[in-house]
Amino acid sequence: MEEKKYDLLKLENQLCFPLYAAARKVTSMYTPYFRETGITYTQYLVFMALWEKSPLSVRELCRILYLDSGTLTPLIKKLEREGYLIKKRDPDDERVVVVSLTDKGYSLRENVADVPEKVGGCMPLSAEEAKTLYRLLYKLLEAE
């Protein structure tokens, strides 16, 4: 009877564990493709958000990427030092920091344009399974 009490503590009964392990595995698939550019997966996420819509406030970037400012701020500072982006205060509200890409930041897009296809080819999921997983993961992310 006492053993049943701890069944929920087994890894095999945890949804969080395969999500965590799968996220680490998928993220690591990107690493070989980023060696040449010198960027990390998290930096790549920032670039993707800014390639889609630049400029963005740090707050918007945090919301889009599901990251906190403590994670994003040092990353933004590093990318700014490396000349990929520019950080400015919003003239209408000095409390708001706005990030925009430089020409160097935009040109990086060409170097990584084929990465999603290459990584997607490494995943053992059909197109239908990938769409289902995507939908379910966003359902989790958007739940309040």
Protein backbone atom coordinates (compact mmCIF):
# COMPACT_ATOMS: atom_id res chain seq x y z
CA MET A 1 0.00 0.00 0.00
CA GLU A 2 2.80 2.41 0.91
CA GLU A 3 4.41 1.82 -2.53
CA LYS A 4 1.29 3.17 -4.32
CA LYS A 5 1.71 6.45 -2.47
CA TYR A 6 4.91 7.13 -4.41
CA ASP A 7 3.84 5.94 -7.88
CA LEU A 8 3.36 9.50 -9.08
CA LEU A 9 7.00 10.19 -8.24
CA LYS A 10 8.29 7.70 -10.83
CA LEU A 11 9.82 9.27 -13.94
CA GLU A 12 7.64 7.05 -16.12
CA ASN A 13 4.57 8.77 -14.67
CA GLN A 14 5.79 12.32 -15.28
CA LEU A 15 4.76 14.34 -18.32
CA CYS A 16 7.33 16.98 -17.43
CA PHE A 17 10.27 14.61 -17.81
CA PRO A 18 9.84 13.60 -21.48
CA LEU A 19 9.01 17.24 -22.31
CA TYR A 20 12.23 18.36 -20.66
CA ALA A 21 14.37 15.60 -22.19
CA ALA A 22 12.85 16.05 -25.66
CA ALA A 23 13.41 19.82 -25.52
CA ARG A 24 17.07 19.27 -24.63
CA LYS A 25 17.46 16.70 -27.41
CA VAL A 26 15.85 18.90 -30.06
CA THR A 27 17.81 21.97 -28.95
CA SER A 28 21.08 20.02 -29.16
CA MET A 29 20.28 19.10 -32.79
CA TYR A 30 20.81 22.76 -33.70
CA THR A 31 24.29 23.05 -32.18
CA PRO A 32 26.32 21.66 -35.12
CA TYR A 33 24.61 24.08 -37.50
CA PHE A 34 25.41 27.08 -35.31
CA ARG A 35 29.12 26.34 -34.82
CA GLU A 36 30.10 28.31 -37.92
CA THR A 37 28.05 31.36 -36.95
CA GLY A 38 28.96 31.21 -33.26
CA ILE A 39 25.40 31.70 -32.03
CA THR A 40 23.50 29.66 -29.48
CA TYR A 41 20.01 28.24 -29.79
CA THR A 42 18.60 30.92 -27.47
CA GLN A 43 20.25 33.64 -29.53
CA TYR A 44 18.76 32.03 -32.64
CA LEU A 45 15.30 32.38 -31.07
CA VAL A 46 15.92 36.10 -30.53
CA PHE A 47 17.04 36.48 -34.13
CA MET A 48 13.97 34.64 -35.44
CA ALA A 49 11.65 36.92 -33.48
CA LEU A 50 13.48 40.03 -34.69
CA TRP A 51 13.70 38.84 -38.32
CA GLU A 52 9.95 38.51 -38.21
CA LYS A 53 9.33 41.86 -36.54
CA SER A 54 12.01 44.38 -35.69
CA PRO A 55 12.10 46.51 -33.61
CA LEU A 56 10.61 44.90 -30.52
CA SER A 57 10.64 46.00 -26.91
CA VAL A 58 12.44 43.72 -24.47
CA ARG A 59 9.08 43.09 -22.82
CA GLU A 60 7.55 41.96 -26.15
CA LEU A 61 10.56 39.77 -26.84
CA CYS A 62 10.21 38.14 -23.41
CA ARG A 63 6.53 37.46 -24.07
CA ILE A 64 7.08 36.04 -27.56
CA LEU A 65 9.94 33.77 -26.47
CA TYR A 66 8.53 32.76 -23.06
CA LEU A 67 11.73 34.02 -21.42
CA ASP A 68 12.23 36.29 -18.45
CA SER A 69 14.20 39.52 -18.64
CA GLY A 70 16.94 38.03 -16.43
CA THR A 71 17.67 35.51 -19.18
CA LEU A 72 17.16 37.87 -22.10
CA THR A 73 19.01 40.98 -20.89
CA PRO A 74 22.55 39.49 -20.82
CA LEU A 75 21.90 37.81 -24.15
CA ILE A 76 20.81 41.11 -25.72
CA LYS A 77 23.88 42.87 -24.29
CA LYS A 78 26.15 40.23 -25.84
CA LEU A 79 24.46 40.46 -29.24
CA GLU A 80 24.73 44.24 -29.07
CA ARG A 81 28.48 44.03 -28.27
CA GLU A 82 28.89 41.69 -31.27
CA GLY A 83 27.15 44.20 -33.53
CA TYR A 84 24.01 42.15 -34.30
CA LEU A 85 21.53 44.52 -32.73
CA ILE A 86 20.98 47.95 -31.26
CA LYS A 87 19.26 48.69 -27.98
CA LYS A 88 17.58 52.07 -27.39
CA ARG A 89 15.16 53.67 -24.98
CA ASP A 90 11.72 54.38 -26.42
CA PRO A 91 11.50 58.19 -26.83
CA ASP A 92 7.81 58.07 -25.80
CA ASP A 93 8.51 56.05 -22.64
CA GLU A 94 12.06 56.01 -21.27
CA ARG A 95 11.26 52.90 -19.20
CA VAL A 96 10.87 50.82 -22.37
CA VAL A 97 13.96 49.35 -24.04
CA VAL A 98 13.58 48.64 -27.75
CA VAL A 99 15.79 46.19 -29.64
CA SER A 100 16.36 46.29 -33.40
CA LEU A 101 18.62 44.38 -35.77
CA THR A 102 21.63 45.86 -37.48
CA ASP A 103 22.60 44.98 -41.05
CA LYS A 104 24.89 42.32 -39.55
CA GLY A 105 21.92 40.88 -37.64
CA TYR A 106 19.79 40.74 -40.77
CA SER A 107 22.59 39.21 -42.84
CA LEU A 108 22.96 36.31 -40.38
CA ARG A 109 19.57 35.09 -41.61
CA GLU A 110 21.18 33.96 -44.87
CA ASN A 111 23.69 31.78 -42.98
CA VAL A 112 20.99 29.88 -41.08
CA ALA A 113 18.13 29.82 -43.61
CA ASP A 114 18.48 26.07 -44.18
CA VAL A 115 18.76 25.09 -40.50
CA PRO A 116 15.04 24.44 -39.84
CA GLU A 117 14.86 22.04 -42.78
CA LYS A 118 18.06 20.25 -41.76
CA VAL A 119 16.93 19.83 -38.15
CA GLY A 120 13.40 18.88 -39.21
CA GLY A 121 14.89 16.09 -41.30
CA CYS A 122 16.49 14.63 -38.15
CA MET A 123 13.20 14.30 -36.30
CA PRO A 124 11.44 10.95 -36.34
CA LEU A 125 7.98 12.50 -36.77
CA SER A 126 5.67 12.59 -39.74
CA ALA A 127 4.39 15.99 -40.85
CA GLU A 128 1.04 15.15 -39.25
CA GLU A 129 2.67 14.12 -35.94
CA ALA A 130 4.79 17.29 -35.93
CA LYS A 131 1.67 19.46 -36.44
CA THR A 132 -0.15 17.64 -33.63
CA LEU A 133 2.81 18.00 -31.27
CA TYR A 134 3.16 21.69 -32.15
CA ARG A 135 -0.53 22.29 -31.44
CA LEU A 136 -0.40 20.42 -28.11
CA LEU A 137 2.75 22.18 -26.94
CA TYR A 138 1.24 25.60 -27.66
CA LYS A 139 -1.88 24.52 -25.82
CA LEU A 140 0.33 23.93 -22.77
CA LEU A 141 2.25 27.18 -23.25
CA GLU A 142 -0.86 29.32 -23.61
CA ALA A 143 -2.77 27.81 -20.68
CA GLU A 144 -3.16 30.20 -17.79
